[in-house]
Amino acid sequence: MAVNKIQNHALNELVDPFLGFDKDFVVRRMVTSVAELAFRCLQQQREMRPTMEEVLEILKRIENENYGAEKADVLDISEDDVGLLKHASSPLQLSADSMSDQFLGSSSSTNTPHSY
């Protein structure tokens, strides 16, 4: 049953709703990572399953990657902004250089902090 849910991307049916899987990006990412590991652990062939050391290492990595992670921000875009984006006469053409020049100024050193 769990393998089918993982394969069919139906993790929300396995996870307690009080954990916030449907609403919290960090929870969703962690649960998905653990489910992928669980899927590997449930393989029929022994050679396909990770060792306990690998499992521990992966679980620690999942914990460390998500420790202190913030929720994804939801942007509230006003109707005026949406209209501007929809009716733009030409697509935006921005390069990494133009963006850094615009926001950081044209200084040659990018290691110095800028005040905004």
N, C-alpha and C. Protein backbone atom coordinates (compact mmCIF):
# COMPACT_ATOMS: atom_id res chain seq x y z
N MET A 1 0.82 -1.19 0.00
CA MET A 1 0.00 0.00 0.00
C MET A 1 0.87 1.26 0.00
N ALA A 2 1.85 1.35 0.90
CA ALA A 2 2.69 2.54 0.97
C ALA A 2 3.48 2.73 -0.31
N VAL A 3 3.99 1.64 -0.87
CA VAL A 3 4.76 1.73 -2.11
C VAL A 3 3.90 2.31 -3.22
N ASN A 4 2.66 1.85 -3.32
CA ASN A 4 1.75 2.36 -4.35
C ASN A 4 1.48 3.85 -4.16
N LYS A 5 1.30 4.28 -2.93
CA LYS A 5 1.04 5.70 -2.65
C LYS A 5 2.25 6.54 -3.05
N ILE A 6 3.45 6.04 -2.73
CA ILE A 6 4.67 6.77 -3.08
C ILE A 6 4.81 6.86 -4.59
N GLN A 7 4.61 5.73 -5.27
CA GLN A 7 4.75 5.70 -6.73
C GLN A 7 3.71 6.59 -7.41
N ASN A 8 2.52 6.67 -6.84
CA ASN A 8 1.44 7.46 -7.44
C ASN A 8 1.40 8.90 -6.94
N HIS A 9 2.45 9.32 -6.24
CA HIS A 9 2.54 10.69 -5.73
C HIS A 9 1.32 11.05 -4.88
N ALA A 10 0.90 10.10 -4.04
CA ALA A 10 -0.25 10.31 -3.17
C ALA A 10 0.19 10.32 -1.70
N LEU A 11 1.29 10.98 -1.43
CA LEU A 11 1.81 11.01 -0.06
C LEU A 11 0.84 11.67 0.91
N ASN A 12 0.07 12.62 0.42
CA ASN A 12 -0.88 13.30 1.29
C ASN A 12 -1.88 12.33 1.91
N GLU A 13 -2.08 11.16 1.27
CA GLU A 13 -2.99 10.16 1.82
C GLU A 13 -2.34 9.34 2.93
N LEU A 14 -1.02 9.39 3.02
CA LEU A 14 -0.29 8.65 4.05
C LEU A 14 0.06 9.50 5.27
N VAL A 15 0.07 10.81 5.09
CA VAL A 15 0.58 11.71 6.12
C VAL A 15 -0.56 12.27 6.96
N ASP A 16 -0.33 12.32 8.27
CA ASP A 16 -1.30 12.91 9.19
C ASP A 16 -1.54 14.37 8.79
N PRO A 17 -2.79 14.75 8.57
CA PRO A 17 -3.09 16.12 8.13
C PRO A 17 -2.60 17.19 9.11
N PHE A 18 -2.46 16.85 10.38
CA PHE A 18 -2.01 17.83 11.37
C PHE A 18 -0.54 18.19 11.21
N LEU A 19 0.20 17.44 10.40
CA LEU A 19 1.60 17.79 10.14
C LEU A 19 1.72 18.95 9.17
N GLY A 20 0.66 19.23 8.42
CA GLY A 20 0.68 20.37 7.50
C GLY A 20 1.27 20.07 6.14
N PHE A 21 1.20 18.82 5.71
CA PHE A 21 1.79 18.42 4.43
C PHE A 21 1.25 19.26 3.28
N ASP A 22 -0.04 19.54 3.28
CA ASP A 22 -0.65 20.29 2.18
C ASP A 22 -0.38 21.79 2.23
N LYS A 23 0.05 22.29 3.39
CA LYS A 23 0.18 23.74 3.54
C LYS A 23 1.61 24.22 3.77
N ASP A 24 2.48 23.34 4.23
CA ASP A 24 3.83 23.75 4.63
C ASP A 24 4.86 23.15 3.68
N PHE A 25 5.54 24.01 2.94
CA PHE A 25 6.53 23.56 1.95
C PHE A 25 7.64 22.74 2.58
N VAL A 26 8.12 23.15 3.75
CA VAL A 26 9.22 22.44 4.41
C VAL A 26 8.78 21.04 4.81
N VAL A 27 7.59 20.91 5.37
CA VAL A 27 7.06 19.59 5.75
C VAL A 27 6.92 18.72 4.51
N ARG A 28 6.39 19.28 3.45
CA ARG A 28 6.21 18.51 2.21
C ARG A 28 7.55 18.01 1.68
N ARG A 29 8.56 18.88 1.69
CA ARG A 29 9.87 18.48 1.19
C ARG A 29 10.48 17.38 2.05
N MET A 30 10.37 17.50 3.37
CA MET A 30 10.93 16.49 4.26
C MET A 30 10.21 15.16 4.11
N VAL A 31 8.89 15.19 4.08
CA VAL A 31 8.11 13.95 3.94
C VAL A 31 8.42 13.28 2.61
N THR A 32 8.54 14.06 1.56
CA THR A 32 8.87 13.49 0.25
C THR A 32 10.24 12.84 0.27
N SER A 33 11.21 13.48 0.88
CA SER A 33 12.56 12.90 0.97
C SER A 33 12.56 11.61 1.77
N VAL A 34 11.84 11.59 2.88
CA VAL A 34 11.76 10.37 3.70
C VAL A 34 11.01 9.28 2.93
N ALA A 35 9.98 9.64 2.19
CA ALA A 35 9.24 8.64 1.41
C ALA A 35 10.12 8.04 0.31
N GLU A 36 10.94 8.86 -0.31
CA GLU A 36 11.86 8.34 -1.33
C GLU A 36 12.83 7.35 -0.71
N LEU A 37 13.33 7.67 0.48
CA LEU A 37 14.21 6.75 1.19
C LEU A 37 13.47 5.47 1.57
N ALA A 38 12.25 5.61 2.06
CA ALA A 38 11.44 4.44 2.42
C ALA A 38 11.22 3.54 1.21
N PHE A 39 10.97 4.15 0.07
CA PHE A 39 10.78 3.38 -1.17
C PHE A 39 12.01 2.54 -1.46
N ARG A 40 13.18 3.13 -1.30
CA ARG A 40 14.43 2.38 -1.52
C ARG A 40 14.55 1.24 -0.51
N CYS A 41 14.17 1.49 0.73
CA CYS A 41 14.27 0.47 1.78
C CYS A 41 13.32 -0.71 1.55
N LEU A 42 12.24 -0.47 0.84
CA LEU A 42 11.22 -1.51 0.61
C LEU A 42 11.44 -2.32 -0.66
N GLN A 43 12.57 -2.16 -1.30
CA GLN A 43 12.85 -2.92 -2.53
C GLN A 43 12.99 -4.40 -2.21
N GLN A 44 12.53 -5.24 -3.13
CA GLN A 44 12.57 -6.69 -2.93
C GLN A 44 14.00 -7.22 -2.92
N GLN A 45 14.82 -6.73 -3.82
CA GLN A 45 16.19 -7.23 -3.93
C GLN A 45 17.08 -6.53 -2.91
N ARG A 46 17.81 -7.33 -2.18
CA ARG A 46 18.66 -6.81 -1.11
C ARG A 46 19.67 -5.79 -1.63
N GLU A 47 20.21 -6.02 -2.80
CA GLU A 47 21.23 -5.13 -3.36
C GLU A 47 20.67 -3.74 -3.67
N MET A 48 19.38 -3.65 -3.84
CA MET A 48 18.74 -2.38 -4.17
C MET A 48 18.45 -1.54 -2.92
N ARG A 49 18.49 -2.17 -1.74
CA ARG A 49 18.19 -1.45 -0.50
C ARG A 49 19.45 -0.79 0.06
N PRO A 50 19.31 0.38 0.67
CA PRO A 50 20.47 1.04 1.29
C PRO A 50 20.86 0.32 2.59
N THR A 51 22.12 0.45 2.96
CA THR A 51 22.56 -0.09 4.25
C THR A 51 22.02 0.81 5.36
N MET A 52 22.09 0.31 6.59
CA MET A 52 21.63 1.13 7.72
C MET A 52 22.48 2.39 7.87
N GLU A 53 23.77 2.27 7.56
CA GLU A 53 24.63 3.46 7.61
C GLU A 53 24.18 4.50 6.59
N GLU A 54 23.82 4.04 5.39
CA GLU A 54 23.33 4.96 4.36
C GLU A 54 22.01 5.60 4.79
N VAL A 55 21.14 4.80 5.39
CA VAL A 55 19.85 5.32 5.86
C VAL A 55 20.07 6.42 6.89
N LEU A 56 20.95 6.15 7.85
CA LEU A 56 21.24 7.14 8.88
C LEU A 56 21.82 8.41 8.27
N GLU A 57 22.75 8.26 7.35
CA GLU A 57 23.37 9.42 6.69
C GLU A 57 22.33 10.24 5.94
N ILE A 58 21.46 9.57 5.21
CA ILE A 58 20.43 10.27 4.43
C ILE A 58 19.44 10.99 5.36
N LEU A 59 19.03 10.32 6.44
CA LEU A 59 18.11 10.95 7.38
C LEU A 59 18.73 12.17 8.05
N LYS A 60 20.01 12.09 8.39
CA LYS A 60 20.69 13.25 8.97
C LYS A 60 20.76 14.39 7.96
N ARG A 61 21.02 14.04 6.70
CA ARG A 61 21.09 15.06 5.65
C ARG A 61 19.73 15.74 5.48
N ILE A 62 18.66 14.94 5.49
CA ILE A 62 17.31 15.50 5.37
C ILE A 62 17.04 16.46 6.53
N GLU A 63 17.40 16.03 7.73
CA GLU A 63 17.19 16.87 8.91
C GLU A 63 17.99 18.16 8.81
N ASN A 64 19.24 18.06 8.42
CA ASN A 64 20.11 19.25 8.34
C ASN A 64 19.69 20.20 7.23
N GLU A 65 19.25 19.67 6.10
CA GLU A 65 18.82 20.52 4.99
C GLU A 65 17.59 21.32 5.36
N ASN A 66 16.75 20.76 6.19
CA ASN A 66 15.48 21.41 6.51
C ASN A 66 15.49 22.10 7.86
N TYR A 67 16.55 21.96 8.62
CA TYR A 67 16.63 22.62 9.92
C TYR A 67 16.73 24.12 9.70
N GLY A 68 15.80 24.83 10.24
CA GLY A 68 15.83 26.29 10.11
C GLY A 68 15.31 26.79 8.78
N ALA A 69 14.86 25.89 7.92
CA ALA A 69 14.34 26.34 6.62
C ALA A 69 13.05 27.10 6.85
N GLU A 70 12.86 28.10 6.03
CA GLU A 70 11.66 28.91 6.16
C GLU A 70 10.62 28.46 5.15
N LYS A 71 9.39 28.78 5.46
CA LYS A 71 8.30 28.47 4.54
C LYS A 71 8.43 29.32 3.29
N ALA A 72 7.96 28.77 2.20
CA ALA A 72 7.96 29.54 0.95
C ALA A 72 7.00 30.72 1.11
N ASP A 73 7.42 31.87 0.65
CA ASP A 73 6.59 33.06 0.74
C ASP A 73 5.53 33.03 -0.35
N VAL A 74 4.34 33.47 0.01
CA VAL A 74 3.27 33.62 -0.95
C VAL A 74 3.18 35.10 -1.28
N LEU A 75 3.30 35.41 -2.55
CA LEU A 75 3.27 36.81 -2.97
C LEU A 75 1.86 37.22 -3.33
N ASP A 76 1.46 38.38 -2.88
CA ASP A 76 0.16 38.94 -3.21
C ASP A 76 0.37 39.97 -4.30
N ILE A 77 0.06 39.60 -5.52
CA ILE A 77 0.25 40.49 -6.66
C ILE A 77 -1.06 41.18 -6.95
N SER A 78 -1.00 42.50 -6.99
CA SER A 78 -2.23 43.25 -7.24
C SER A 78 -2.67 43.08 -8.69
N GLU A 79 -3.92 43.37 -8.94
CA GLU A 79 -4.47 43.24 -10.29
C GLU A 79 -3.73 44.14 -11.28
N ASP A 80 -3.30 45.32 -10.83
CA ASP A 80 -2.57 46.23 -11.71
C ASP A 80 -1.27 45.59 -12.19
N ASP A 81 -0.56 44.94 -11.27
CA ASP A 81 0.70 44.29 -11.64
C ASP A 81 0.47 43.15 -12.61
N VAL A 82 -0.59 42.38 -12.38
CA VAL A 82 -0.91 41.27 -13.28
C VAL A 82 -1.22 41.81 -14.66
N GLY A 83 -1.99 42.89 -14.72
CA GLY A 83 -2.31 43.51 -16.00
C GLY A 83 -1.07 43.98 -16.73
N LEU A 84 -0.13 44.56 -16.01
CA LEU A 84 1.12 45.00 -16.63
C LEU A 84 1.89 43.82 -17.20
N LEU A 85 1.92 42.73 -16.46
CA LEU A 85 2.65 41.56 -16.94
C LEU A 85 1.98 40.94 -18.16
N LYS A 86 0.65 40.90 -18.16
CA LYS A 86 -0.07 40.30 -19.28
C LYS A 86 0.05 41.13 -20.55
N HIS A 87 0.12 42.45 -20.41
CA HIS A 87 0.09 43.33 -21.57
C HIS A 87 1.45 43.90 -21.93
N ALA A 88 2.50 43.30 -21.44
CA ALA A 88 3.84 43.79 -21.77
C ALA A 88 4.07 43.62 -23.26
N SER A 89 4.60 44.67 -23.91
CA SER A 89 4.78 44.63 -25.37
C SER A 89 5.94 43.74 -25.78
N SER A 90 6.93 43.61 -24.93
CA SER A 90 8.05 42.73 -25.27
C SER A 90 8.44 41.95 -24.04
N PRO A 91 8.93 40.74 -24.22
CA PRO A 91 9.32 39.96 -23.07
C PRO A 91 10.51 40.60 -22.37
N LEU A 92 10.58 40.41 -21.08
CA LEU A 92 11.70 40.96 -20.33
C LEU A 92 12.97 40.25 -20.72
N GLN A 93 14.00 41.02 -20.96
CA GLN A 93 15.29 40.45 -21.32
C GLN A 93 16.30 40.91 -20.29
N LEU A 94 16.52 40.06 -19.31
CA LEU A 94 17.44 40.40 -18.25
C LEU A 94 18.54 39.36 -18.19
N SER A 95 19.75 39.84 -18.10
CA SER A 95 20.87 38.93 -17.93
C SER A 95 21.34 39.02 -16.49
N ALA A 96 22.16 38.10 -16.08
CA ALA A 96 22.71 38.14 -14.72
C ALA A 96 23.50 39.43 -14.52
N ASP A 97 24.22 39.87 -15.54
CA ASP A 97 25.01 41.10 -15.43
C ASP A 97 24.12 42.31 -15.25
N SER A 98 23.05 42.40 -16.03
CA SER A 98 22.18 43.56 -15.92
C SER A 98 21.47 43.59 -14.57
N MET A 99 21.12 42.43 -14.05
CA MET A 99 20.47 42.37 -12.75
C MET A 99 21.44 42.78 -11.65
N SER A 100 22.67 42.29 -11.71
CA SER A 100 23.62 42.65 -10.66
C SER A 100 23.98 44.13 -10.76
N ASP A 101 24.08 44.68 -11.97
CA ASP A 101 24.35 46.11 -12.12
C ASP A 101 23.21 46.93 -11.55
N GLN A 102 21.99 46.47 -11.80
CA GLN A 102 20.82 47.22 -11.36
C GLN A 102 20.72 47.23 -9.83
N PHE A 103 20.94 46.08 -9.19
CA PHE A 103 20.72 45.98 -7.76
C PHE A 103 21.98 46.22 -6.93
N LEU A 104 23.13 45.95 -7.48
CA LEU A 104 24.35 46.10 -6.71
C LEU A 104 25.16 47.32 -7.11
N GLY A 105 24.78 47.97 -8.17
CA GLY A 105 25.56 49.09 -8.67
C GLY A 105 26.63 48.57 -9.60
N SER A 106 27.41 49.43 -10.15
CA SER A 106 28.40 49.01 -11.15
C SER A 106 29.77 48.83 -10.55
N SER A 107 29.88 48.66 -9.23
CA SER A 107 31.20 48.47 -8.62
C SER A 107 31.78 47.14 -9.04
N SER A 108 33.09 47.08 -9.11
CA SER A 108 33.74 45.86 -9.57
C SER A 108 33.84 44.82 -8.47
N SER A 109 33.70 45.22 -7.23
CA SER A 109 33.81 44.27 -6.12
C SER A 109 32.42 43.88 -5.65
N THR A 110 32.14 42.59 -5.67
CA THR A 110 30.84 42.12 -5.20
C THR A 110 30.93 41.60 -3.78
N ASN A 111 32.13 41.65 -3.16
CA ASN A 111 32.28 41.15 -1.81
C ASN A 111 31.95 42.19 -0.75
N THR A 112 31.77 43.43 -1.16
CA THR A 112 31.46 44.47 -0.18
C THR A 112 29.96 44.54 0.02
N PRO A 113 29.52 44.65 1.27
CA PRO A 113 28.07 44.73 1.52
C PRO A 113 27.53 46.07 1.05
N HIS A 114 26.31 46.04 0.57
CA HIS A 114 25.63 47.25 0.11
C HIS A 114 24.51 47.56 1.06
N SER A 115 24.28 48.81 1.32
CA SER A 115 23.14 49.18 2.17
C SER A 115 22.00 49.60 1.27
N TYR A 116 20.80 49.23 1.68
CA TYR A 116 19.61 49.54 0.89
C TYR A 116 18.72 50.46 1.65
